[in-house]
Amino acid sequence: MNAARTFSRSLQVAKFTGSSAWWVFVVAQLMAELAMPPSGAPVRYSDASYTPMTSVSDVTGDLFTTSNTLASISIAALAVTVIAALAHAVIVRRLFACVVIVIAPIVGGALILWTLDSGVGDSPRLSTFAAFALVLLGVAIREIGSRITTYVHG
């Protein structure tokens, strides 16, 4: 009885940690993109010939720092998600489920990172709707992968 309870508890902790870290990754990555100045660089780097009368570059610099901080949080959260997926896979001990559980957050996260890096802002390589669909696809890939144990264990 104790082994079953430990198994169940460990699985719950791995799932909770993975889900929490995943959503921190997604939200932090989206917020990092929103915080990025329009040109992708602070005004002091993008247009050296223009010197504003006010402290605009300080505000933009703060946006740049905020964007970098959020991007760092995002990558750290993705790493925690993958580590939690590895723990989840070790607990489950089913080969197919293990592969899907570990690969899903990597593929989903990579798709989201690529999509948001493709420049949805000033000079987009993707339309807004294509970016929207690809981010949702990345989320769906991870969510389906994390729920594979439900179908394996019943």
C-alpha atoms as a PDB file:
ATOM      1  CA  MET A   1       0.000   0.000   0.000  1.00  0.00           C
ATOM      2  CA  ASN A   2       2.828   2.424   0.818  1.00  0.00           C
ATOM      3  CA  ALA A   3       4.553   1.817  -2.540  1.00  0.00           C
ATOM      4  CA  ALA A   4       1.357   2.675  -4.445  1.00  0.00           C
ATOM      5  CA  ARG A   5       0.921   5.858  -2.425  1.00  0.00           C
ATOM      6  CA  THR A   6       4.550   6.856  -2.999  1.00  0.00           C
ATOM      7  CA  PHE A   7       4.184   6.182  -6.727  1.00  0.00           C
ATOM      8  CA  SER A   8       1.009   8.266  -6.917  1.00  0.00           C
ATOM      9  CA  ARG A   9       2.485  11.106  -4.860  1.00  0.00           C
ATOM     10  CA  SER A  10       5.717  11.190  -6.904  1.00  0.00           C
ATOM     11  CA  LEU A  11       3.743  11.239 -10.134  1.00  0.00           C
ATOM     12  CA  GLN A  12       1.582  14.112  -8.873  1.00  0.00           C
ATOM     13  CA  VAL A  13       4.640  16.150  -7.855  1.00  0.00           C
ATOM     14  CA  ALA A  14       6.329  15.587 -11.233  1.00  0.00           C
ATOM     15  CA  LYS A  15       3.150  16.534 -13.123  1.00  0.00           C
ATOM     16  CA  PHE A  16       2.521  19.626 -10.982  1.00  0.00           C
ATOM     17  CA  THR A  17       6.113  20.818 -11.306  1.00  0.00           C
ATOM     18  CA  GLY A  18       6.141  20.226 -15.060  1.00  0.00           C
ATOM     19  CA  SER A  19       2.806  21.971 -15.624  1.00  0.00           C
ATOM     20  CA  SER A  20       3.704  24.953 -13.451  1.00  0.00           C
ATOM     21  CA  ALA A  21       7.096  25.407 -15.083  1.00  0.00           C
ATOM     22  CA  TRP A  22       5.580  24.979 -18.560  1.00  0.00           C
ATOM     23  CA  TRP A  23       3.108  27.817 -18.046  1.00  0.00           C
ATOM     24  CA  VAL A  24       5.822  30.025 -16.548  1.00  0.00           C
ATOM     25  CA  PHE A  25       7.817  29.330 -19.750  1.00  0.00           C
ATOM     26  CA  VAL A  26       4.915  30.174 -22.070  1.00  0.00           C
ATOM     27  CA  VAL A  27       3.821  33.343 -20.272  1.00  0.00           C
ATOM     28  CA  ALA A  28       7.370  34.614 -19.671  1.00  0.00           C
ATOM     29  CA  GLN A  29       8.277  34.057 -23.334  1.00  0.00           C
ATOM     30  CA  LEU A  30       5.172  35.907 -24.530  1.00  0.00           C
ATOM     31  CA  MET A  31       5.797  38.752 -22.075  1.00  0.00           C
ATOM     32  CA  ALA A  32       9.452  38.947 -23.124  1.00  0.00           C
ATOM     33  CA  GLU A  33       8.319  39.476 -26.706  1.00  0.00           C
ATOM     34  CA  LEU A  34       5.864  42.173 -25.624  1.00  0.00           C
ATOM     35  CA  ALA A  35       8.526  43.938 -23.543  1.00  0.00           C
ATOM     36  CA  MET A  36      11.023  44.060 -26.418  1.00  0.00           C
ATOM     37  CA  PRO A  37      11.347  47.530 -27.965  1.00  0.00           C
ATOM     38  CA  PRO A  38       9.932  47.746 -31.518  1.00  0.00           C
ATOM     39  CA  SER A  39      13.285  47.524 -33.291  1.00  0.00           C
ATOM     40  CA  GLY A  40      14.487  44.687 -31.095  1.00  0.00           C
ATOM     41  CA  ALA A  41      17.199  46.866 -29.589  1.00  0.00           C
ATOM     42  CA  PRO A  42      17.165  49.883 -27.291  1.00  0.00           C
ATOM     43  CA  VAL A  43      16.967  53.253 -29.016  1.00  0.00           C
ATOM     44  CA  ARG A  44      20.547  54.099 -28.030  1.00  0.00           C
ATOM     45  CA  TYR A  45      21.750  51.166 -30.191  1.00  0.00           C
ATOM     46  CA  SER A  46      19.269  51.321 -33.052  1.00  0.00           C
ATOM     47  CA  ASP A  47      19.418  55.026 -33.904  1.00  0.00           C
ATOM     48  CA  ALA A  48      22.623  56.706 -32.774  1.00  0.00           C
ATOM     49  CA  SER A  49      21.942  59.888 -34.801  1.00  0.00           C
ATOM     50  CA  TYR A  50      18.864  60.874 -32.821  1.00  0.00           C
ATOM     51  CA  THR A  51      19.273  62.158 -29.273  1.00  0.00           C
ATOM     52  CA  PRO A  52      15.954  62.667 -27.499  1.00  0.00           C
ATOM     53  CA  MET A  53      15.410  65.647 -25.221  1.00  0.00           C
ATOM     54  CA  THR A  54      13.846  63.397 -22.608  1.00  0.00           C
ATOM     55  CA  SER A  55      14.996  60.175 -21.038  1.00  0.00           C
ATOM     56  CA  VAL A  56      13.402  57.920 -23.677  1.00  0.00           C
ATOM     57  CA  SER A  57      16.484  55.708 -23.974  1.00  0.00           C
ATOM     58  CA  ASP A  58      16.302  54.971 -20.252  1.00  0.00           C
ATOM     59  CA  VAL A  59      12.735  53.739 -20.616  1.00  0.00           C
ATOM     60  CA  THR A  60      13.671  51.674 -23.673  1.00  0.00           C
ATOM     61  CA  GLY A  61      16.731  50.358 -21.872  1.00  0.00           C
ATOM     62  CA  ASP A  62      14.469  49.244 -19.051  1.00  0.00           C
ATOM     63  CA  LEU A  63      12.276  47.457 -21.596  1.00  0.00           C
ATOM     64  CA  PHE A  64      15.341  45.743 -23.022  1.00  0.00           C
ATOM     65  CA  THR A  65      16.457  44.629 -19.546  1.00  0.00           C
ATOM     66  CA  THR A  66      12.935  43.471 -18.725  1.00  0.00           C
ATOM     67  CA  SER A  67      12.749  41.495 -21.955  1.00  0.00           C
ATOM     68  CA  ASN A  68      16.098  39.813 -21.284  1.00  0.00           C
ATOM     69  CA  THR A  69      15.111  38.973 -17.708  1.00  0.00           C
ATOM     70  CA  LEU A  70      11.809  37.455 -18.841  1.00  0.00           C
ATOM     71  CA  ALA A  71      13.568  35.494 -21.595  1.00  0.00           C
ATOM     72  CA  SER A  72      16.016  34.097 -19.014  1.00  0.00           C
ATOM     73  CA  ILE A  73      13.159  33.124 -16.714  1.00  0.00           C
ATOM     74  CA  SER A  74      11.464  31.501 -19.697  1.00  0.00           C
ATOM     75  CA  ILE A  75      14.471  29.351 -20.603  1.00  0.00           C
ATOM     76  CA  ALA A  76      15.011  28.341 -16.962  1.00  0.00           C
ATOM     77  CA  ALA A  77      11.342  27.338 -16.717  1.00  0.00           C
ATOM     78  CA  LEU A  78      11.647  25.279 -19.906  1.00  0.00           C
ATOM     79  CA  ALA A  79      14.652  23.483 -18.402  1.00  0.00           C
ATOM     80  CA  VAL A  80      12.638  22.740 -15.235  1.00  0.00           C
ATOM     81  CA  THR A  81       9.795  21.452 -17.440  1.00  0.00           C
ATOM     82  CA  VAL A  82      12.140  19.037 -19.219  1.00  0.00           C
ATOM     83  CA  ILE A  83      13.666  17.874 -15.901  1.00  0.00           C
ATOM     84  CA  ALA A  84      10.161  17.284 -14.510  1.00  0.00           C
ATOM     85  CA  ALA A  85       9.306  15.352 -17.696  1.00  0.00           C
ATOM     86  CA  LEU A  86      12.390  13.176 -17.158  1.00  0.00           C
ATOM     87  CA  ALA A  87      11.301  12.523 -13.562  1.00  0.00           C
ATOM     88  CA  HIS A  88       7.783  11.751 -14.782  1.00  0.00           C
ATOM     89  CA  ALA A  89       9.203   9.321 -17.358  1.00  0.00           C
ATOM     90  CA  VAL A  90      11.335   7.539 -14.745  1.00  0.00           C
ATOM     91  CA  ILE A  91       8.299   7.147 -12.484  1.00  0.00           C
ATOM     92  CA  VAL A  92       6.058   5.794 -15.284  1.00  0.00           C
ATOM     93  CA  ARG A  93       8.587   3.243 -16.632  1.00  0.00           C
ATOM     94  CA  ARG A  94       6.882   2.608 -19.970  1.00  0.00           C
ATOM     95  CA  LEU A  95       9.120   3.057 -23.005  1.00  0.00           C
ATOM     96  CA  PHE A  96       6.630   4.708 -25.388  1.00  0.00           C
ATOM     97  CA  ALA A  97       5.219   6.954 -22.668  1.00  0.00           C
ATOM     98  CA  CYS A  98       8.731   7.907 -21.518  1.00  0.00           C
ATOM     99  CA  VAL A  99       9.779   8.983 -25.002  1.00  0.00           C
ATOM    100  CA  VAL A 100       6.607  11.022 -25.576  1.00  0.00           C
ATOM    101  CA  ILE A 101       6.682  12.598 -22.104  1.00  0.00           C
ATOM    102  CA  VAL A 102      10.269  13.826 -22.547  1.00  0.00           C
ATOM    103  CA  ILE A 103      10.106  14.809 -26.235  1.00  0.00           C
ATOM    104  CA  ALA A 104       6.791  16.722 -26.010  1.00  0.00           C
ATOM    105  CA  PRO A 105       7.986  19.737 -23.965  1.00  0.00           C
ATOM    106  CA  ILE A 106      11.175  19.951 -26.017  1.00  0.00           C
ATOM    107  CA  VAL A 107       9.296  19.993 -29.343  1.00  0.00           C
ATOM    108  CA  GLY A 108       6.507  22.241 -28.053  1.00  0.00           C
ATOM    109  CA  GLY A 109       8.964  24.668 -26.464  1.00  0.00           C
ATOM    110  CA  ALA A 110      11.178  24.762 -29.551  1.00  0.00           C
ATOM    111  CA  LEU A 111       8.139  25.520 -31.727  1.00  0.00           C
ATOM    112  CA  ILE A 112       7.087  28.380 -29.460  1.00  0.00           C
ATOM    113  CA  LEU A 113      10.624  29.793 -29.307  1.00  0.00           C
ATOM    114  CA  TRP A 114      11.020  29.587 -33.099  1.00  0.00           C
ATOM    115  CA  THR A 115       7.617  31.155 -33.703  1.00  0.00           C
ATOM    116  CA  LEU A 116       8.177  34.081 -31.370  1.00  0.00           C
ATOM    117  CA  ASP A 117      11.708  34.567 -32.696  1.00  0.00           C
ATOM    118  CA  SER A 118      10.337  34.778 -36.245  1.00  0.00           C
ATOM    119  CA  GLY A 119       9.430  38.388 -35.705  1.00  0.00           C
ATOM    120  CA  VAL A 120       5.724  38.877 -35.381  1.00  0.00           C
ATOM    121  CA  GLY A 121       6.273  42.621 -34.777  1.00  0.00           C
ATOM    122  CA  ASP A 122       7.874  45.150 -37.160  1.00  0.00           C
ATOM    123  CA  SER A 123       9.225  42.853 -39.864  1.00  0.00           C
ATOM    124  CA  PRO A 124       7.291  39.614 -39.503  1.00  0.00           C
ATOM    125  CA  ARG A 125       8.263  36.431 -41.277  1.00  0.00           C
ATOM    126  CA  LEU A 126       4.967  34.949 -40.114  1.00  0.00           C
ATOM    127  CA  SER A 127       1.497  36.401 -40.157  1.00  0.00           C
ATOM    128  CA  THR A 128      -0.087  37.055 -36.786  1.00  0.00           C
ATOM    129  CA  PHE A 129      -2.567  34.219 -37.307  1.00  0.00           C
ATOM    130  CA  ALA A 130       0.181  31.782 -38.313  1.00  0.00           C
ATOM    131  CA  ALA A 131       2.135  32.717 -35.179  1.00  0.00           C
ATOM    132  CA  PHE A 132      -1.020  32.315 -33.093  1.00  0.00           C
ATOM    133  CA  ALA A 133      -1.644  28.855 -34.553  1.00  0.00           C
ATOM    134  CA  LEU A 134       1.980  27.734 -34.087  1.00  0.00           C
ATOM    135  CA  VAL A 135       2.097  28.858 -30.442  1.00  0.00           C
ATOM    136  CA  LEU A 136      -1.155  26.998 -29.795  1.00  0.00           C
ATOM    137  CA  LEU A 137       0.270  23.947 -31.570  1.00  0.00           C
ATOM    138  CA  GLY A 138       3.361  24.094 -29.340  1.00  0.00           C
ATOM    139  CA  VAL A 139       1.155  24.234 -26.245  1.00  0.00           C
ATOM    140  CA  ALA A 140      -1.002  21.367 -27.547  1.00  0.00           C
ATOM    141  CA  ILE A 141       2.039  19.178 -28.254  1.00  0.00           C
ATOM    142  CA  ARG A 142       3.277  19.563 -24.687  1.00  0.00           C
ATOM    143  CA  GLU A 143      -0.164  19.115 -23.142  1.00  0.00           C
ATOM    144  CA  ILE A 144      -0.899  15.930 -25.102  1.00  0.00           C
ATOM    145  CA  GLY A 145       2.558  14.569 -24.285  1.00  0.00           C
ATOM    146  CA  SER A 146       2.125  15.252 -20.585  1.00  0.00           C
ATOM    147  CA  ARG A 147      -1.207  13.414 -20.537  1.00  0.00           C
ATOM    148  CA  ILE A 148       0.021  10.276 -22.289  1.00  0.00           C
ATOM    149  CA  THR A 149       0.246   8.435 -18.961  1.00  0.00           C
ATOM    150  CA  THR A 150      -3.521   8.745 -18.574  1.00  0.00           C
ATOM    151  CA  TYR A 151      -3.953   6.636 -21.689  1.00  0.00           C
ATOM    152  CA  VAL A 152      -1.162   4.212 -20.778  1.00  0.00           C
ATOM    153  CA  HIS A 153      -2.286   3.611 -17.179  1.00  0.00           C
ATOM    154  CA  GLY A 154      -6.001   4.103 -17.685  1.00  0.00           C
END
